[in-house]
PDB file of N, CA and C in Angstrom:
ATOM      1  N   UNK A   1      53.971 -26.972  13.609  1.00  0.00           N
ATOM      2  CA  UNK A   1      54.258 -25.552  13.725  1.00  0.00           C
ATOM      3  C   UNK A   1      53.371 -24.747  12.776  1.00  0.00           C
ATOM      4  N   UNK A   2      53.202 -25.248  11.575  1.00  0.00           N
ATOM      5  CA  UNK A   2      52.398 -24.554  10.581  1.00  0.00           C
ATOM      6  C   UNK A   2      50.941 -24.447  11.026  1.00  0.00           C
ATOM      7  N   UNK A   3      50.443 -25.515  11.676  1.00  0.00           N
ATOM      8  CA  UNK A   3      49.070 -25.499  12.169  1.00  0.00           C
ATOM      9  C   UNK A   3      48.907 -24.450  13.270  1.00  0.00           C
ATOM     10  N   UNK A   4      49.900 -24.350  14.112  1.00  0.00           N
ATOM     11  CA  UNK A   4      49.869 -23.386  15.206  1.00  0.00           C
ATOM     12  C   UNK A   4      49.841 -21.960  14.658  1.00  0.00           C
ATOM     13  N   UNK A   5      50.654 -21.678  13.656  1.00  0.00           N
ATOM     14  CA  UNK A   5      50.680 -20.340  13.054  1.00  0.00           C
ATOM     15  C   UNK A   5      49.348 -20.018  12.382  1.00  0.00           C
ATOM     16  N   UNK A   6      48.750 -21.015  11.768  1.00  0.00           N
ATOM     17  CA  UNK A   6      47.464 -20.784  11.117  1.00  0.00           C
ATOM     18  C   UNK A   6      46.383 -20.468  12.157  1.00  0.00           C
ATOM     19  N   UNK A   7      46.381 -21.178  13.256  1.00  0.00           N
ATOM     20  CA  UNK A   7      45.412 -20.917  14.321  1.00  0.00           C
ATOM     21  C   UNK A   7      45.623 -19.532  14.931  1.00  0.00           C
ATOM     22  N   UNK A   8      46.873 -19.166  15.109  1.00  0.00           N
ATOM     23  CA  UNK A   8      47.179 -17.831  15.641  1.00  0.00           C
ATOM     24  C   UNK A   8      46.724 -16.762  14.654  1.00  0.00           C
ATOM     25  N   UNK A   9      46.972 -16.977  13.377  1.00  0.00           N
ATOM     26  CA  UNK A   9      46.554 -16.020  12.349  1.00  0.00           C
ATOM     27  C   UNK A   9      45.042 -15.873  12.290  1.00  0.00           C
ATOM     28  N   UNK A  10      44.335 -16.979  12.333  1.00  0.00           N
ATOM     29  CA  UNK A  10      42.869 -16.933  12.318  1.00  0.00           C
ATOM     30  C   UNK A  10      42.349 -16.233  13.567  1.00  0.00           C
ATOM     31  N   UNK A  11      42.946 -16.536  14.712  1.00  0.00           N
ATOM     32  CA  UNK A  11      42.543 -15.880  15.962  1.00  0.00           C
ATOM     33  C   UNK A  11      42.768 -14.378  15.889  1.00  0.00           C
ATOM     34  N   UNK A  12      43.886 -13.981  15.315  1.00  0.00           N
ATOM     35  CA  UNK A  12      44.191 -12.557  15.183  1.00  0.00           C
ATOM     36  C   UNK A  12      43.172 -11.861  14.280  1.00  0.00           C
ATOM     37  N   UNK A  13      42.833 -12.473  13.168  1.00  0.00           N
ATOM     38  CA  UNK A  13      41.866 -11.888  12.238  1.00  0.00           C
ATOM     39  C   UNK A  13      40.493 -11.772  12.898  1.00  0.00           C
ATOM     40  N   UNK A  14      40.070 -12.800  13.612  1.00  0.00           N
ATOM     41  CA  UNK A  14      38.784 -12.753  14.304  1.00  0.00           C
ATOM     42  C   UNK A  14      38.777 -11.681  15.390  1.00  0.00           C
ATOM     43  N   UNK A  15      39.874 -11.593  16.144  1.00  0.00           N
ATOM     44  CA  UNK A  15      39.960 -10.575  17.199  1.00  0.00           C
ATOM     45  C   UNK A  15      39.930  -9.178  16.597  1.00  0.00           C
ATOM     46  N   UNK A  16      40.635  -8.968  15.495  1.00  0.00           N
ATOM     47  CA  UNK A  16      40.641  -7.652  14.842  1.00  0.00           C
ATOM     48  C   UNK A  16      39.248  -7.308  14.324  1.00  0.00           C
ATOM     49  N   UNK A  17      38.536  -8.295  13.804  1.00  0.00           N
ATOM     50  CA  UNK A  17      37.176  -8.057  13.325  1.00  0.00           C
ATOM     51  C   UNK A  17      36.238  -7.682  14.448  1.00  0.00           C
ATOM     52  N   UNK A  18      36.375  -8.342  15.588  1.00  0.00           N
ATOM     53  CA  UNK A  18      35.526  -8.019  16.735  1.00  0.00           C
ATOM     54  C   UNK A  18      35.838  -6.636  17.294  1.00  0.00           C
ATOM     55  N   UNK A  19      37.099  -6.282  17.343  1.00  0.00           N
ATOM     56  CA  UNK A  19      37.483  -4.957  17.841  1.00  0.00           C
ATOM     57  C   UNK A  19      36.953  -3.878  16.905  1.00  0.00           C
ATOM     58  N   UNK A  20      36.995  -4.120  15.622  1.00  0.00           N
ATOM     59  CA  UNK A  20      36.495  -3.142  14.654  1.00  0.00           C
ATOM     60  C   UNK A  20      34.999  -2.924  14.767  1.00  0.00           C
ATOM     61  N   UNK A  21      34.278  -3.931  15.170  1.00  0.00           N
ATOM     62  CA  UNK A  21      32.825  -3.819  15.305  1.00  0.00           C
ATOM     63  C   UNK A  21      32.394  -3.338  16.687  1.00  0.00           C
ATOM     64  N   UNK A  22      33.323  -3.280  17.624  1.00  0.00           N
ATOM     65  CA  UNK A  22      32.967  -2.960  19.005  1.00  0.00           C
ATOM     66  C   UNK A  22      32.614  -1.489  19.193  1.00  0.00           C
ATOM     67  N   UNK A  23      33.295  -0.603  18.506  1.00  0.00           N
ATOM     68  CA  UNK A  23      33.039   0.834  18.677  1.00  0.00           C
ATOM     69  C   UNK A  23      31.752   1.202  17.957  1.00  0.00           C
ATOM     70  N   UNK A  24      30.812   1.752  18.713  1.00  0.00           N
ATOM     71  CA  UNK A  24      29.530   2.132  18.114  1.00  0.00           C
ATOM     72  C   UNK A  24      29.253   3.590  18.427  1.00  0.00           C
ATOM     73  N   UNK A  25      29.210   4.383  17.405  1.00  0.00           N
ATOM     74  CA  UNK A  25      28.817   5.780  17.592  1.00  0.00           C
ATOM     75  C   UNK A  25      27.628   6.031  16.666  1.00  0.00           C
ATOM     76  N   UNK A  26      26.491   6.413  17.233  1.00  0.00           N
ATOM     77  CA  UNK A  26      25.299   6.604  16.409  1.00  0.00           C
ATOM     78  C   UNK A  26      25.451   7.761  15.426  1.00  0.00           C
ATOM     79  N   UNK A  27      24.790   7.625  14.314  1.00  0.00           N
ATOM     80  CA  UNK A  27      24.824   8.671  13.294  1.00  0.00           C
ATOM     81  C   UNK A  27      24.052   9.892  13.782  1.00  0.00           C
ATOM     82  N   UNK A  28      24.488  11.079  13.378  1.00  0.00           N
ATOM     83  CA  UNK A  28      23.740  12.282  13.772  1.00  0.00           C
ATOM     84  C   UNK A  28      22.362  12.278  13.113  1.00  0.00           C
ATOM     85  N   UNK A  29      21.369  12.667  13.877  1.00  0.00           N
ATOM     86  CA  UNK A  29      19.993  12.643  13.386  1.00  0.00           C
ATOM     87  C   UNK A  29      19.407  14.041  13.470  1.00  0.00           C
ATOM     88  N   UNK A  30      18.822  14.471  12.385  1.00  0.00           N
ATOM     89  CA  UNK A  30      18.124  15.753  12.412  1.00  0.00           C
ATOM     90  C   UNK A  30      16.637  15.471  12.561  1.00  0.00           C
ATOM     91  N   UNK A  31      15.917  16.455  12.959  1.00  0.00           N
ATOM     92  CA  UNK A  31      14.488  16.280  13.177  1.00  0.00           C
ATOM     93  C   UNK A  31      13.785  16.018  11.850  1.00  0.00           C
ATOM     94  N   UNK A  32      12.980  14.989  11.813  1.00  0.00           N
ATOM     95  CA  UNK A  32      12.231  14.659  10.606  1.00  0.00           C
ATOM     96  C   UNK A  32      10.848  15.287  10.609  1.00  0.00           C
ATOM     97  N   UNK A  33      10.478  15.864  11.733  1.00  0.00           N
ATOM     98  CA  UNK A  33       9.158  16.465  11.851  1.00  0.00           C
ATOM     99  C   UNK A  33       9.184  17.860  11.232  1.00  0.00           C
ATOM    100  N   UNK A  34       8.253  18.124  10.340  1.00  0.00           N
ATOM    101  CA  UNK A  34       8.183  19.425   9.684  1.00  0.00           C
ATOM    102  C   UNK A  34       7.143  20.289  10.373  1.00  0.00           C
ATOM    103  N   UNK A  35       7.384  21.572  10.367  1.00  0.00           N
ATOM    104  CA  UNK A  35       6.437  22.512  10.958  1.00  0.00           C
ATOM    105  C   UNK A  35       5.661  23.168   9.825  1.00  0.00           C
ATOM    106  N   UNK A  36       4.409  22.790   9.689  1.00  0.00           N
ATOM    107  CA  UNK A  36       3.569  23.320   8.623  1.00  0.00           C
ATOM    108  C   UNK A  36       2.723  24.500   9.081  1.00  0.00           C
ATOM    109  N   UNK A  37       2.938  24.963  10.303  1.00  0.00           N
ATOM    110  CA  UNK A  37       2.072  26.015  10.835  1.00  0.00           C
ATOM    111  C   UNK A  37       2.208  27.333  10.076  1.00  0.00           C
ATOM    112  N   UNK A  38       3.380  27.598   9.498  1.00  0.00           N
ATOM    113  CA  UNK A  38       3.577  28.871   8.810  1.00  0.00           C
ATOM    114  C   UNK A  38       3.248  28.805   7.319  1.00  0.00           C
ATOM    115  N   UNK A  39       2.899  27.637   6.814  1.00  0.00           N
ATOM    116  CA  UNK A  39       2.617  27.466   5.395  1.00  0.00           C
ATOM    117  C   UNK A  39       1.190  27.914   5.099  1.00  0.00           C
ATOM    118  N   UNK A  40       1.064  28.735   4.054  1.00  0.00           N
ATOM    119  CA  UNK A  40      -0.278  29.149   3.634  1.00  0.00           C
ATOM    120  C   UNK A  40      -0.945  27.964   2.960  1.00  0.00           C
ATOM    121  N   UNK A  41      -2.154  27.667   3.369  1.00  0.00           N
ATOM    122  CA  UNK A  41      -2.825  26.491   2.829  1.00  0.00           C
ATOM    123  C   UNK A  41      -4.313  26.736   2.695  1.00  0.00           C
ATOM    124  N   UNK A  42      -4.981  25.776   2.097  1.00  0.00           N
ATOM    125  CA  UNK A  42      -6.431  25.851   1.966  1.00  0.00           C
ATOM    126  C   UNK A  42      -7.090  25.700   3.319  1.00  0.00           C
ATOM    127  N   UNK A  43      -8.396  25.807   3.328  1.00  0.00           N
ATOM    128  CA  UNK A  43      -9.092  25.727   4.615  1.00  0.00           C
ATOM    129  C   UNK A  43      -9.740  24.362   4.786  1.00  0.00           C
ATOM    130  N   UNK A  44      -9.754  23.902   6.018  1.00  0.00           N
ATOM    131  CA  UNK A  44     -10.330  22.601   6.355  1.00  0.00           C
ATOM    132  C   UNK A  44     -11.498  22.829   7.300  1.00  0.00           C
ATOM    133  N   UNK A  45     -12.682  22.497   6.825  1.00  0.00           N
ATOM    134  CA  UNK A  45     -13.901  22.659   7.635  1.00  0.00           C
ATOM    135  C   UNK A  45     -14.641  21.332   7.673  1.00  0.00           C
ATOM    136  N   UNK A  46     -14.672  20.713   8.834  1.00  0.00           N
ATOM    137  CA  UNK A  46     -15.400  19.451   8.978  1.00  0.00           C
ATOM    138  C   UNK A  46     -14.829  18.358   8.109  1.00  0.00           C
ATOM    139  N   UNK A  47     -15.565  17.966   7.098  1.00  0.00           N
ATOM    140  CA  UNK A  47     -15.085  16.909   6.206  1.00  0.00           C
ATOM    141  C   UNK A  47     -14.708  17.454   4.831  1.00  0.00           C
ATOM    142  N   UNK A  48     -14.615  18.772   4.696  1.00  0.00           N
ATOM    143  CA  UNK A  48     -14.264  19.393   3.414  1.00  0.00           C
ATOM    144  C   UNK A  48     -12.957  20.156   3.535  1.00  0.00           C
ATOM    145  N   UNK A  49     -12.153  20.047   2.491  1.00  0.00           N
ATOM    146  CA  UNK A  49     -10.895  20.786   2.424  1.00  0.00           C
ATOM    147  C   UNK A  49     -10.901  21.581   1.135  1.00  0.00           C
ATOM    148  N   UNK A  50     -10.734  22.882   1.244  1.00  0.00           N
ATOM    149  CA  UNK A  50     -10.669  23.742   0.058  1.00  0.00           C
ATOM    150  C   UNK A  50      -9.215  23.796  -0.390  1.00  0.00           C
ATOM    151  N   UNK A  51      -8.965  23.277  -1.577  1.00  0.00           N
ATOM    152  CA  UNK A  51      -7.601  23.146  -2.076  1.00  0.00           C
ATOM    153  C   UNK A  51      -7.106  24.468  -2.631  1.00  0.00           C
ATOM    154  N   UNK A  52      -5.867  24.817  -2.275  1.00  0.00           N
ATOM    155  CA  UNK A  52      -5.200  25.985  -2.845  1.00  0.00           C
ATOM    156  C   UNK A  52      -4.093  25.502  -3.764  1.00  0.00           C
ATOM    157  N   UNK A  53      -3.688  26.368  -4.662  1.00  0.00           N
ATOM    158  CA  UNK A  53      -2.625  26.031  -5.597  1.00  0.00           C
ATOM    159  C   UNK A  53      -1.363  25.663  -4.810  1.00  0.00           C
ATOM    160  N   UNK A  54      -0.771  24.546  -5.177  1.00  0.00           N
ATOM    161  CA  UNK A  54       0.451  24.092  -4.517  1.00  0.00           C
ATOM    162  C   UNK A  54       0.216  23.026  -3.460  1.00  0.00           C
ATOM    163  N   UNK A  55      -1.043  22.818  -3.053  1.00  0.00           N
ATOM    164  CA  UNK A  55      -1.344  21.772  -2.075  1.00  0.00           C
ATOM    165  C   UNK A  55      -1.119  20.405  -2.721  1.00  0.00           C
ATOM    166  N   UNK A  56      -0.500  19.514  -1.989  1.00  0.00           N
ATOM    167  CA  UNK A  56      -0.290  18.152  -2.473  1.00  0.00           C
ATOM    168  C   UNK A  56      -1.187  17.209  -1.685  1.00  0.00           C
ATOM    169  N   UNK A  57      -1.371  16.016  -2.218  1.00  0.00           N
ATOM    170  CA  UNK A  57      -2.170  15.025  -1.500  1.00  0.00           C
ATOM    171  C   UNK A  57      -1.555  14.711  -0.138  1.00  0.00           C
ATOM    172  N   UNK A  58      -0.236  14.665  -0.092  1.00  0.00           N
ATOM    173  CA  UNK A  58       0.436  14.361   1.172  1.00  0.00           C
ATOM    174  C   UNK A  58       0.198  15.474   2.187  1.00  0.00           C
ATOM    175  N   UNK A  59       0.224  16.712   1.732  1.00  0.00           N
ATOM    176  CA  UNK A  59      -0.016  17.841   2.628  1.00  0.00           C
ATOM    177  C   UNK A  59      -1.456  17.828   3.132  1.00  0.00           C
ATOM    178  N   UNK A  60      -2.403  17.596   2.235  1.00  0.00           N
ATOM    179  CA  UNK A  60      -3.816  17.556   2.624  1.00  0.00           C
ATOM    180  C   UNK A  60      -4.055  16.400   3.596  1.00  0.00           C
ATOM    181  N   UNK A  61      -3.428  15.261   3.352  1.00  0.00           N
ATOM    182  CA  UNK A  61      -3.563  14.126   4.264  1.00  0.00           C
ATOM    183  C   UNK A  61      -3.008  14.478   5.639  1.00  0.00           C
ATOM    184  N   UNK A  62      -1.902  15.203   5.679  1.00  0.00           N
ATOM    185  CA  UNK A  62      -1.312  15.615   6.956  1.00  0.00           C
ATOM    186  C   UNK A  62      -2.247  16.558   7.707  1.00  0.00           C
ATOM    187  N   UNK A  63      -2.775  17.553   7.021  1.00  0.00           N
ATOM    188  CA  UNK A  63      -3.629  18.558   7.658  1.00  0.00           C
ATOM    189  C   UNK A  63      -4.929  17.935   8.150  1.00  0.00           C
ATOM    190  N   UNK A  64      -5.509  17.048   7.357  1.00  0.00           N
ATOM    191  CA  UNK A  64      -6.806  16.465   7.701  1.00  0.00           C
ATOM    192  C   UNK A  64      -6.685  15.183   8.523  1.00  0.00           C
ATOM    193  N   UNK A  65      -5.455  14.770   8.801  1.00  0.00           N
ATOM    194  CA  UNK A  65      -5.192  13.554   9.576  1.00  0.00           C
ATOM    195  C   UNK A  65      -5.840  12.334   8.930  1.00  0.00           C
ATOM    196  N   UNK A  66      -5.696  12.244   7.608  1.00  0.00           N
ATOM    197  CA  UNK A  66      -6.234  11.117   6.835  1.00  0.00           C
ATOM    198  C   UNK A  66      -5.079  10.374   6.176  1.00  0.00           C
ATOM    199  N   UNK A  67      -5.355   9.172   5.706  1.00  0.00           N
ATOM    200  CA  UNK A  67      -4.380   8.413   4.948  1.00  0.00           C
ATOM    201  C   UNK A  67      -4.437   8.860   3.487  1.00  0.00           C
ATOM    202  N   UNK A  68      -3.291   8.976   2.848  1.00  0.00           N
ATOM    203  CA  UNK A  68      -3.235   9.425   1.449  1.00  0.00           C
ATOM    204  C   UNK A  68      -4.064   8.501   0.560  1.00  0.00           C
ATOM    205  N   UNK A  69      -3.998   7.207   0.804  1.00  0.00           N
ATOM    206  CA  UNK A  69      -4.756   6.256  -0.022  1.00  0.00           C
ATOM    207  C   UNK A  69      -6.257   6.468   0.109  1.00  0.00           C
ATOM    208  N   UNK A  70      -6.722   6.897   1.284  1.00  0.00           N
ATOM    209  CA  UNK A  70      -8.149   7.190   1.450  1.00  0.00           C
ATOM    210  C   UNK A  70      -8.553   8.418   0.639  1.00  0.00           C
ATOM    211  N   UNK A  71      -7.657   9.386   0.513  1.00  0.00           N
ATOM    212  CA  UNK A  71      -7.957  10.582  -0.282  1.00  0.00           C
ATOM    213  C   UNK A  71      -8.023  10.257  -1.768  1.00  0.00           C
ATOM    214  N   UNK A  72      -7.202   9.333  -2.206  1.00  0.00           N
ATOM    215  CA  UNK A  72      -7.159   8.974  -3.619  1.00  0.00           C
ATOM    216  C   UNK A  72      -8.451   8.287  -4.033  1.00  0.00           C
ATOM    217  N   UNK A  73      -9.031   7.508  -3.141  1.00  0.00           N
ATOM    218  CA  UNK A  73     -10.261   6.759  -3.470  1.00  0.00           C
ATOM    219  C   UNK A  73     -11.425   7.660  -3.642  1.00  0.00           C
TER     220      UNK A  73
END
C-alpha cells in the first residue's frame, strides 16, 4: 500500500509540474530599433566622418555601417 501511495504521489507531482510548464505566454517586446534620423550628428562623406560633440563610437559605426572594432583600429 505504501508503495502505491508513493507512486501516486510522484505521478501527481510530475503531472503538476508538466501542467505548470504547459502554459506559454510570450513576454511583451518593445521595438529595439532606434530612429536616429532626427538626431543632429556630424557629416559623413565617402570614407570620412566629421565628428560632432556627443557622437559616440557606436553611433558613428551605425551611421557609417562599420564595425565598432574597425573604427577603434
